[in-house]
Amino acid sequence: MKNITDRPRILYGKVPFKYIYFGLTFYVIAMCGFLSMARVMS
């Protein structure tokens, strides 16, 4: 039981921060592109 509850925290600790920042920047760029396209279409 203890190993199952500790596993997600260990896996999250192993994820480098650069991947998290890359995901956030990609999400922001995708949202900006979607908003600009919606503005052009309307």
N, C-alpha and C. Protein backbone atom coordinates (compact mmCIF):
# COMPACT_ATOMS: atom_id res chain seq x y z
N MET A 1 0.84 -1.20 0.00
CA MET A 1 0.00 0.00 0.00
C MET A 1 0.87 1.25 0.00
N LYS A 2 1.92 1.24 0.81
CA LYS A 2 2.77 2.42 0.89
C LYS A 2 3.49 2.66 -0.44
N ASN A 3 3.92 1.60 -1.09
CA ASN A 3 4.64 1.76 -2.36
C ASN A 3 3.73 2.36 -3.44
N ILE A 4 2.47 1.95 -3.44
CA ILE A 4 1.53 2.45 -4.46
C ILE A 4 1.29 3.96 -4.27
N THR A 5 1.18 4.39 -3.02
CA THR A 5 0.91 5.81 -2.78
C THR A 5 2.16 6.65 -3.03
N ASP A 6 3.34 6.08 -2.83
CA ASP A 6 4.58 6.86 -3.02
C ASP A 6 5.01 6.90 -4.48
N ARG A 7 4.52 5.97 -5.29
CA ARG A 7 5.00 5.89 -6.68
C ARG A 7 4.72 7.15 -7.49
N PRO A 8 3.49 7.72 -7.49
CA PRO A 8 3.24 8.93 -8.29
C PRO A 8 4.17 10.08 -7.91
N ARG A 9 4.45 10.25 -6.61
CA ARG A 9 5.32 11.35 -6.20
C ARG A 9 6.74 11.14 -6.73
N ILE A 10 7.20 9.88 -6.73
CA ILE A 10 8.55 9.60 -7.21
C ILE A 10 8.61 9.85 -8.72
N LEU A 11 7.59 9.40 -9.45
CA LEU A 11 7.57 9.60 -10.90
C LEU A 11 7.51 11.09 -11.23
N TYR A 12 6.73 11.85 -10.48
CA TYR A 12 6.61 13.28 -10.75
C TYR A 12 7.94 13.98 -10.46
N GLY A 13 8.66 13.51 -9.43
CA GLY A 13 9.94 14.11 -9.09
C GLY A 13 11.00 13.85 -10.15
N LYS A 14 10.83 12.75 -10.92
CA LYS A 14 11.82 12.42 -11.94
C LYS A 14 11.61 13.21 -13.23
N VAL A 15 10.46 13.83 -13.40
CA VAL A 15 10.18 14.58 -14.63
C VAL A 15 10.96 15.90 -14.60
N PRO A 16 11.83 16.14 -15.60
CA PRO A 16 12.58 17.41 -15.63
C PRO A 16 11.64 18.59 -15.83
N PHE A 17 12.03 19.73 -15.26
CA PHE A 17 11.18 20.92 -15.36
C PHE A 17 11.12 21.43 -16.79
N LYS A 18 12.16 21.17 -17.60
CA LYS A 18 12.15 21.68 -18.97
C LYS A 18 11.00 21.09 -19.77
N TYR A 19 10.62 19.84 -19.47
CA TYR A 19 9.49 19.25 -20.18
C TYR A 19 8.19 19.93 -19.79
N ILE A 20 8.08 20.31 -18.51
CA ILE A 20 6.86 20.99 -18.04
C ILE A 20 6.78 22.38 -18.69
N TYR A 21 7.91 23.09 -18.73
CA TYR A 21 7.91 24.42 -19.36
C TYR A 21 7.62 24.30 -20.85
N PHE A 22 8.17 23.26 -21.51
CA PHE A 22 7.92 23.06 -22.94
C PHE A 22 6.44 22.82 -23.20
N GLY A 23 5.80 22.04 -22.35
CA GLY A 23 4.37 21.78 -22.51
C GLY A 23 3.55 23.05 -22.33
N LEU A 24 3.93 23.86 -21.33
CA LEU A 24 3.18 25.09 -21.08
C LEU A 24 3.34 26.07 -22.23
N THR A 25 4.57 26.24 -22.74
CA THR A 25 4.79 27.17 -23.84
C THR A 25 4.07 26.68 -25.09
N PHE A 26 4.09 25.36 -25.34
CA PHE A 26 3.39 24.82 -26.50
C PHE A 26 1.89 25.07 -26.39
N TYR A 27 1.34 24.93 -25.18
CA TYR A 27 -0.08 25.16 -24.96
C TYR A 27 -0.43 26.62 -25.22
N VAL A 28 0.42 27.54 -24.74
CA VAL A 28 0.16 28.97 -24.93
C VAL A 28 0.22 29.32 -26.42
N ILE A 29 1.23 28.78 -27.13
CA ILE A 29 1.36 29.07 -28.56
C ILE A 29 0.15 28.52 -29.32
N ALA A 30 -0.29 27.31 -28.95
CA ALA A 30 -1.44 26.71 -29.63
C ALA A 30 -2.69 27.55 -29.39
N MET A 31 -2.88 28.03 -28.16
CA MET A 31 -4.06 28.84 -27.86
C MET A 31 -4.01 30.16 -28.62
N CYS A 32 -2.84 30.78 -28.69
CA CYS A 32 -2.71 32.05 -29.42
C CYS A 32 -3.03 31.84 -30.89
N GLY A 33 -2.51 30.76 -31.47
CA GLY A 33 -2.77 30.47 -32.88
C GLY A 33 -4.25 30.20 -33.12
N PHE A 34 -4.89 29.49 -32.20
CA PHE A 34 -6.32 29.19 -32.35
C PHE A 34 -7.14 30.47 -32.27
N LEU A 35 -6.79 31.36 -31.34
CA LEU A 35 -7.54 32.61 -31.20
C LEU A 35 -7.35 33.49 -32.44
N SER A 36 -6.13 33.55 -32.96
CA SER A 36 -5.89 34.38 -34.14
C SER A 36 -6.64 33.81 -35.35
N MET A 37 -6.67 32.50 -35.49
CA MET A 37 -7.41 31.89 -36.60
C MET A 37 -8.91 32.14 -36.46
N ALA A 38 -9.42 32.06 -35.25
CA ALA A 38 -10.85 32.31 -35.03
C ALA A 38 -11.18 33.76 -35.37
N ARG A 39 -10.25 34.66 -35.07
CA ARG A 39 -10.48 36.07 -35.36
C ARG A 39 -10.51 36.29 -36.87
N VAL A 40 -9.65 35.59 -37.61
CA VAL A 40 -9.61 35.75 -39.07
C VAL A 40 -10.87 35.15 -39.70
N MET A 41 -11.34 34.03 -39.19
CA MET A 41 -12.50 33.36 -39.78
C MET A 41 -13.78 34.16 -39.58
N SER A 42 -13.92 34.81 -38.45
CA SER A 42 -15.17 35.52 -38.17
C SER A 42 -15.26 36.82 -38.96
